[in-house]
Amino acid sequence: MEHPAGMLSQAKPYIAVILQQFITAGMVVISKFALNQGLNQHVLVVYRYTIATVVVAPFAFVFERKVRPKMTWSIFGKVVLLGLLELEKVDVRQLSSQAKILGTVVAVGGAMIMTLVRGPILNLPWTNHNLHDHSSTTANQQDLLKGSLMITIGCILWSVFNVLQAITVKVYPAQLSLTALICFTGAIQASVIAFSMEGHKPAAWSLHLDSTLLAPLYSGIMSSGVSYTIQATVMKTKGPVFASTFSPLSMIIVAIISSFALSEILYFGRVIGAAVIITGLYLVLWGKIKDQALYKLDSEKMAPSDQKLTAITDKPKTSDKELEVDLARIKTVDDSV
């Protein structure tokens, strides 16, 4: 039976990515509420990355002074050129790899179902059914199409981000410093966009002691600071595919929380999509567990040959003193002859 400490060590990456999805879901719900209260989306991004930089940078400076490598052009070049290498080991002949591929496709399909398929309304007592009257208009149908297109683009860019982060953390293994650099560059880019679009509106930059302040604080500290660090740590050991596989889980959490917190209508299509996502995640996890079992079995098969090689190379050697005694005996025999 495996030791509990070993089981806990194996479970840490899974716990970490699930926690990350809860953090992401909280950011989505809080940001949605703040945007409904009038917070500008461009300003939110600027405040988010600025707060994350201010919070994470001191920790990175203190705790990673000895392990933080120098950021060189060579490292930056590796980020650009190696973006599509070393992702996930897949052998289509293995049942475990087939399960991972199928599970990924199923999970993505479930996410698409949750986004595009509605179906009947679930009559829950805490939801606001007045929202349904507004959601059936032509304008909102167009907004649904625009939103779906933007979500698709966002998923593609997020995938590229995950790949680049996974490669970067291998050549720049300082997770806090990497998070601070990501947030700092994000703050600069977001500031340029926000000032070009909202610079002439001073009211858009104002914050109050309500959700308009909570959203930047939470998204900056938790979603960017803590979540990016968790993701970089997990990617360092498990790779970007493992970390990205759990992303659809946040959609299920958002649907549940927003139903209670924002009184949003829950459609049957979202429930079906959630079930499909969970099925896909199960298939991926099953494949990962089987891969680990095969790797452990291969290691055990290699161990006996390694032990034989060690036994051969570790034979006791003749000391210099013993060699001198043997030479003296040979000389004595020669003299007697």
Protein backbone atom coordinates (compact mmCIF):
# COMPACT_ATOMS: atom_id res chain seq x y z
CA MET A 1 0.00 0.00 0.00
CA GLU A 2 1.31 3.41 -0.94
CA HIS A 3 2.37 5.74 1.85
CA PRO A 4 -0.06 8.62 2.58
CA ALA A 5 2.74 11.17 2.08
CA GLY A 6 3.35 9.82 -1.41
CA MET A 7 -0.35 9.92 -2.25
CA LEU A 8 -0.54 13.52 -1.03
CA SER A 9 2.47 14.45 -3.16
CA GLN A 10 0.82 12.96 -6.25
CA ALA A 11 -2.47 14.72 -5.46
CA LYS A 12 -0.93 18.20 -5.06
CA PRO A 13 -0.99 19.12 -8.78
CA TYR A 14 -4.64 18.09 -9.06
CA ILE A 15 -5.61 20.06 -5.96
CA ALA A 16 -3.66 23.07 -7.25
CA VAL A 17 -5.33 23.21 -10.67
CA ILE A 18 -8.80 22.70 -9.16
CA LEU A 19 -8.10 25.57 -6.73
CA GLN A 20 -6.98 27.66 -9.69
CA GLN A 21 -10.30 27.05 -11.44
CA PHE A 22 -12.22 28.17 -8.34
CA ILE A 23 -10.10 31.36 -8.27
CA THR A 24 -10.81 31.94 -11.97
CA ALA A 25 -14.53 31.37 -11.47
CA GLY A 26 -14.59 33.86 -8.60
CA MET A 27 -12.86 36.43 -10.80
CA VAL A 28 -15.44 35.96 -13.56
CA VAL A 29 -18.43 36.36 -11.24
CA ILE A 30 -17.02 39.36 -9.33
CA SER A 31 -15.89 41.09 -12.53
CA LYS A 32 -19.30 40.53 -14.13
CA PHE A 33 -21.00 42.12 -11.13
CA ALA A 34 -18.57 45.08 -11.19
CA LEU A 35 -19.08 45.60 -14.93
CA ASN A 36 -22.82 45.64 -14.34
CA GLN A 37 -22.21 48.40 -11.80
CA GLY A 38 -20.49 50.55 -14.42
CA LEU A 39 -16.79 49.62 -14.18
CA ASN A 40 -15.04 50.03 -17.53
CA GLN A 41 -13.55 46.78 -18.87
CA HIS A 42 -10.36 48.41 -20.17
CA VAL A 43 -9.73 50.15 -16.86
CA LEU A 44 -10.35 46.90 -14.99
CA VAL A 45 -7.54 45.19 -16.91
CA VAL A 46 -5.12 48.03 -16.17
CA TYR A 47 -5.88 48.01 -12.45
CA ARG A 48 -5.77 44.20 -12.34
CA TYR A 49 -2.24 43.87 -13.72
CA THR A 50 -0.94 46.92 -11.87
CA ILE A 51 -2.16 45.58 -8.52
CA ALA A 52 -0.77 42.13 -9.31
CA THR A 53 2.65 43.60 -10.12
CA VAL A 54 2.76 45.65 -6.92
CA VAL A 55 1.74 42.67 -4.78
CA VAL A 56 3.85 39.92 -6.37
CA ALA A 57 7.08 41.83 -7.11
CA PRO A 58 8.20 42.23 -3.45
CA PHE A 59 7.73 38.52 -2.78
CA ALA A 60 9.66 37.66 -5.93
CA PHE A 61 12.49 40.00 -4.95
CA VAL A 62 12.81 38.56 -1.43
CA PHE A 63 12.25 34.83 -1.97
CA GLU A 64 13.86 34.34 -5.37
CA ARG A 65 17.02 36.39 -5.15
CA LYS A 66 19.23 33.27 -5.23
CA VAL A 67 17.33 31.23 -7.81
CA ARG A 68 16.25 33.94 -10.26
CA PRO A 69 18.30 33.70 -13.48
CA LYS A 70 19.17 36.70 -15.57
CA MET A 71 16.67 37.53 -18.30
CA THR A 72 18.73 37.42 -21.49
CA TRP A 73 17.94 37.69 -25.17
CA SER A 74 18.72 33.99 -25.44
CA ILE A 75 15.94 33.12 -22.99
CA PHE A 76 13.56 35.45 -24.78
CA GLY A 77 14.46 33.80 -28.09
CA LYS A 78 13.68 30.37 -26.66
CA VAL A 79 10.26 31.63 -25.62
CA VAL A 80 9.53 32.66 -29.21
CA LEU A 81 11.12 29.74 -31.06
CA LEU A 82 10.28 26.80 -28.80
CA GLY A 83 6.63 27.65 -28.27
CA LEU A 84 5.31 24.43 -29.85
CA LEU A 85 7.79 21.88 -28.44
CA GLU A 86 7.74 19.54 -25.45
CA LEU A 87 4.03 19.65 -24.63
CA GLU A 88 2.65 16.23 -23.79
CA LYS A 89 3.91 12.74 -24.50
CA VAL A 90 1.30 10.98 -26.62
CA ASP A 91 1.53 7.53 -28.16
CA VAL A 92 -1.66 6.89 -30.13
CA ARG A 93 -1.04 3.14 -29.86
CA GLN A 94 -1.42 3.29 -26.08
CA LEU A 95 -4.91 3.14 -24.57
CA SER A 96 -3.95 5.83 -22.03
CA SER A 97 -2.98 8.29 -24.78
CA GLN A 98 -6.19 7.54 -26.66
CA ALA A 99 -8.14 8.31 -23.48
CA LYS A 100 -6.30 11.63 -23.07
CA ILE A 101 -6.99 12.67 -26.65
CA LEU A 102 -10.65 11.63 -26.46
CA GLY A 103 -11.07 13.26 -23.05
CA THR A 104 -9.65 16.56 -24.32
CA VAL A 105 -12.01 16.57 -27.29
CA VAL A 106 -14.98 15.68 -25.07
CA ALA A 107 -14.15 18.42 -22.55
CA VAL A 108 -13.84 21.04 -25.28
CA GLY A 109 -17.11 19.82 -26.77
CA GLY A 110 -18.79 20.17 -23.39
CA ALA A 111 -17.52 23.74 -23.11
CA MET A 112 -18.97 24.52 -26.54
CA ILE A 113 -22.31 23.00 -25.49
CA MET A 114 -22.40 25.17 -22.37
CA THR A 115 -21.67 28.26 -24.47
CA LEU A 116 -23.89 27.72 -27.52
CA VAL A 117 -26.72 25.37 -26.46
CA ARG A 118 -29.44 26.67 -24.16
CA GLY A 119 -32.44 24.37 -24.11
CA PRO A 120 -35.27 24.67 -21.59
CA ILE A 121 -35.00 26.99 -18.61
CA LEU A 122 -34.55 25.33 -15.24
CA ASN A 123 -37.14 26.87 -12.92
CA LEU A 124 -35.01 27.43 -9.85
CA PRO A 125 -36.55 29.54 -7.07
CA TRP A 126 -33.55 31.86 -6.67
CA THR A 127 -33.08 32.84 -10.35
CA ASN A 128 -34.39 36.01 -11.97
CA HIS A 129 -36.72 34.94 -14.79
CA ASN A 130 -37.19 38.55 -15.94
CA LEU A 131 -33.79 38.27 -17.60
CA HIS A 132 -35.25 35.83 -20.12
CA ASP A 133 -37.40 38.52 -21.72
CA HIS A 134 -34.32 40.58 -22.55
CA SER A 135 -32.23 37.65 -23.71
CA SER A 136 -34.58 36.80 -26.59
CA THR A 137 -34.18 40.08 -28.48
CA THR A 138 -32.27 40.35 -31.78
CA ALA A 139 -29.64 42.59 -30.23
CA ASN A 140 -28.86 40.06 -27.54
CA GLN A 141 -28.72 37.26 -30.14
CA GLN A 142 -26.08 39.30 -31.98
CA ASP A 143 -24.25 39.87 -28.70
CA LEU A 144 -24.30 36.10 -28.15
CA LEU A 145 -22.60 35.54 -31.50
CA LYS A 146 -20.03 38.26 -30.81
CA GLY A 147 -19.42 36.84 -27.37
CA SER A 148 -18.92 33.33 -28.74
CA LEU A 149 -16.44 34.63 -31.31
CA MET A 150 -14.51 36.56 -28.66
CA ILE A 151 -14.48 33.52 -26.37
CA THR A 152 -13.03 31.43 -29.20
CA ILE A 153 -10.31 34.00 -29.86
CA GLY A 154 -9.64 34.25 -26.14
CA CYS A 155 -9.26 30.46 -25.86
CA ILE A 156 -6.74 30.42 -28.72
CA LEU A 157 -4.70 33.23 -27.17
CA TRP A 158 -4.91 31.57 -23.74
CA SER A 159 -3.58 28.34 -25.25
CA VAL A 160 -0.64 30.20 -26.77
CA PHE A 161 -0.04 31.86 -23.40
CA ASN A 162 -0.01 28.47 -21.64
CA VAL A 163 2.50 27.04 -24.10
CA LEU A 164 4.81 30.04 -23.82
CA GLN A 165 4.58 30.02 -20.02
CA ALA A 166 5.41 26.30 -19.89
CA ILE A 167 8.50 26.79 -22.04
CA THR A 168 9.59 29.92 -20.20
CA VAL A 169 9.41 28.34 -16.75
CA LYS A 170 11.91 25.68 -17.88
CA VAL A 171 14.57 28.22 -18.74
CA TYR A 172 13.47 30.80 -16.15
CA PRO A 173 12.51 28.67 -13.10
CA ALA A 174 11.50 31.54 -10.82
CA GLN A 175 7.71 31.37 -10.74
CA LEU A 176 7.08 34.52 -8.69
CA SER A 177 9.48 36.60 -10.77
CA LEU A 178 7.92 35.28 -13.97
CA THR A 179 4.45 36.18 -12.68
CA ALA A 180 5.62 39.69 -11.79
CA LEU A 181 7.13 40.16 -15.25
CA ILE A 182 3.98 38.90 -16.97
CA CYS A 183 1.78 41.25 -14.94
CA PHE A 184 4.15 44.20 -15.46
CA THR A 185 4.18 43.84 -19.23
CA GLY A 186 0.43 43.24 -19.17
CA ALA A 187 -0.09 46.46 -17.22
CA ILE A 188 1.93 48.44 -19.78
CA GLN A 189 0.04 46.99 -22.75
CA ALA A 190 -3.35 47.42 -21.09
CA SER A 191 -2.50 51.02 -20.14
CA VAL A 192 -1.71 51.93 -23.74
CA ILE A 193 -5.04 50.50 -24.92
CA ALA A 194 -7.06 51.95 -22.05
CA PHE A 195 -5.62 55.47 -22.36
CA SER A 196 -6.20 55.48 -26.10
CA MET A 197 -9.86 54.52 -25.63
CA GLU A 198 -10.78 55.92 -22.21
CA GLY A 199 -8.17 58.60 -21.57
CA HIS A 200 -10.66 61.42 -22.21
CA LYS A 201 -13.12 59.99 -19.64
CA PRO A 202 -11.83 60.66 -16.11
CA ALA A 203 -14.98 59.14 -14.61
CA ALA A 204 -14.11 55.76 -16.14
CA TRP A 205 -10.99 55.57 -13.93
CA SER A 206 -12.75 56.24 -10.64
CA LEU A 207 -13.19 53.49 -8.05
CA HIS A 208 -15.54 53.29 -5.09
CA LEU A 209 -15.83 51.19 -1.95
CA ASP A 210 -17.95 48.57 -3.66
CA SER A 211 -17.57 45.90 -6.33
CA THR A 212 -15.71 48.34 -8.60
CA LEU A 213 -12.83 48.19 -6.10
CA LEU A 214 -13.25 44.53 -5.16
CA ALA A 215 -13.00 43.36 -8.76
CA PRO A 216 -9.51 44.84 -9.46
CA LEU A 217 -8.23 43.74 -6.04
CA TYR A 218 -9.47 40.17 -6.36
CA SER A 219 -8.52 39.73 -10.00
CA GLY A 220 -5.10 41.30 -9.43
CA ILE A 221 -4.12 39.47 -6.25
CA MET A 222 -5.89 36.14 -6.71
CA SER A 223 -6.48 35.63 -10.44
CA SER A 224 -3.22 37.12 -11.72
CA GLY A 225 -0.87 36.86 -8.74
CA VAL A 226 -1.82 33.58 -7.08
CA SER A 227 -3.34 31.83 -10.11
CA TYR A 228 -0.43 32.55 -12.48
CA THR A 229 2.04 31.32 -9.85
CA ILE A 230 0.06 28.11 -9.31
CA GLN A 231 -0.11 27.57 -13.05
CA ALA A 232 3.62 28.09 -13.56
CA THR A 233 4.42 25.68 -10.72
CA VAL A 234 2.12 22.97 -12.07
CA MET A 235 3.36 23.42 -15.63
CA LYS A 236 6.94 22.97 -14.45
CA THR A 237 6.16 19.39 -13.39
CA LYS A 238 3.07 18.38 -15.40
CA GLY A 239 3.23 20.45 -18.56
CA PRO A 240 0.75 22.86 -20.19
CA VAL A 241 -1.70 20.22 -21.39
CA PHE A 242 -2.38 19.00 -17.86
CA ALA A 243 -2.97 22.52 -16.56
CA SER A 244 -5.17 23.50 -19.49
CA THR A 245 -7.32 20.38 -19.32
CA PHE A 246 -9.04 21.64 -16.18
CA SER A 247 -9.98 25.04 -17.66
CA PRO A 248 -13.54 23.99 -18.65
CA LEU A 249 -14.15 23.16 -14.98
CA SER A 250 -14.32 26.89 -14.21
CA MET A 251 -17.34 27.20 -16.53
CA ILE A 252 -19.27 24.76 -14.35
CA ILE A 253 -18.29 26.66 -11.20
CA VAL A 254 -19.25 29.99 -12.78
CA ALA A 255 -22.65 28.65 -13.84
CA ILE A 256 -23.39 27.45 -10.31
CA ILE A 257 -22.13 30.55 -8.48
CA SER A 258 -23.73 33.05 -10.89
CA SER A 259 -27.05 31.24 -10.51
CA PHE A 260 -26.99 32.00 -6.79
CA ALA A 261 -25.00 35.26 -6.60
CA LEU A 262 -26.30 37.01 -9.74
CA SER A 263 -29.70 35.24 -10.02
CA GLU A 264 -28.85 34.28 -13.60
CA ILE A 265 -31.04 31.80 -15.45
CA LEU A 266 -29.67 28.28 -15.66
CA TYR A 267 -30.45 26.45 -18.89
CA PHE A 268 -30.65 22.71 -19.35
CA GLY A 269 -28.05 22.90 -22.12
CA ARG A 270 -25.50 24.16 -19.61
CA VAL A 271 -26.20 21.20 -17.35
CA ILE A 272 -25.66 18.80 -20.26
CA GLY A 273 -22.44 20.62 -21.19
CA ALA A 274 -21.23 20.39 -17.58
CA ALA A 275 -21.82 16.63 -17.54
CA VAL A 276 -19.89 16.27 -20.81
CA ILE A 277 -16.99 18.33 -19.40
CA ILE A 278 -16.79 16.15 -16.30
CA THR A 279 -16.76 13.03 -18.50
CA GLY A 280 -13.90 14.46 -20.56
CA LEU A 281 -11.89 15.36 -17.46
CA TYR A 282 -12.38 11.84 -16.11
CA LEU A 283 -11.02 10.34 -19.33
CA VAL A 284 -7.97 12.62 -19.27
CA LEU A 285 -7.23 11.86 -15.63
CA TRP A 286 -7.65 8.15 -16.24
CA GLY A 287 -5.14 8.36 -19.06
CA LYS A 288 -2.67 10.30 -16.91
CA ILE A 289 -2.95 7.73 -14.10
CA LYS A 290 -2.35 4.89 -16.56
CA ASP A 291 0.69 6.72 -17.95
CA GLN A 292 2.13 7.05 -14.46
CA ALA A 293 1.54 3.35 -13.80
CA LEU A 294 3.31 2.40 -17.06
CA TYR A 295 6.22 4.71 -16.26
CA LYS A 296 6.54 3.17 -12.78
CA LEU A 297 6.45 -0.35 -14.26
CA ASP A 298 9.16 0.50 -16.78
CA SER A 299 11.32 1.93 -14.00
CA GLU A 300 10.96 -1.25 -11.97
CA LYS A 301 11.92 -3.38 -14.99
CA MET A 302 15.07 -1.33 -15.49
CA ALA A 303 16.05 -1.50 -11.83
CA PRO A 304 17.46 -5.12 -11.79
CA SER A 305 19.81 -4.48 -14.72
CA ASP A 306 20.98 -1.30 -13.03
CA GLN A 307 21.66 -3.26 -9.84
CA LYS A 308 23.72 -5.86 -11.78
CA LEU A 309 25.74 -3.11 -13.40
CA THR A 310 26.33 -1.54 -10.01
CA ALA A 311 27.44 -4.88 -8.55
CA ILE A 312 29.98 -5.34 -11.38
CA THR A 313 31.41 -1.86 -11.11
CA ASP A 314 31.47 -1.92 -7.31
CA LYS A 315 33.77 -4.97 -6.91
CA PRO A 316 36.44 -4.40 -4.24
CA LYS A 317 39.66 -3.08 -5.68
CA THR A 318 43.14 -4.30 -4.71
CA SER A 319 44.91 -1.78 -2.50
CA ASP A 320 48.49 -0.61 -3.12
CA LYS A 321 49.71 -2.34 0.03
CA GLU A 322 48.26 -5.71 -1.03
CA LEU A 323 49.85 -5.27 -4.46
CA GLU A 324 53.29 -4.69 -2.87
CA VAL A 325 52.95 -7.87 -0.77
CA ASP A 326 52.07 -9.91 -3.87
CA LEU A 327 55.06 -8.56 -5.79
CA ALA A 328 57.37 -9.39 -2.86
CA ARG A 329 56.11 -13.00 -2.83
CA ILE A 330 56.73 -13.32 -6.56
CA LYS A 331 60.28 -11.98 -6.13
CA THR A 332 61.00 -14.46 -3.33
CA VAL A 333 59.89 -17.37 -5.48
CA ASP A 334 62.11 -16.22 -8.36
CA ASP A 335 65.17 -15.94 -6.06
CA SER A 336 64.66 -19.44 -4.70
CA VAL A 337 64.46 -20.83 -8.20
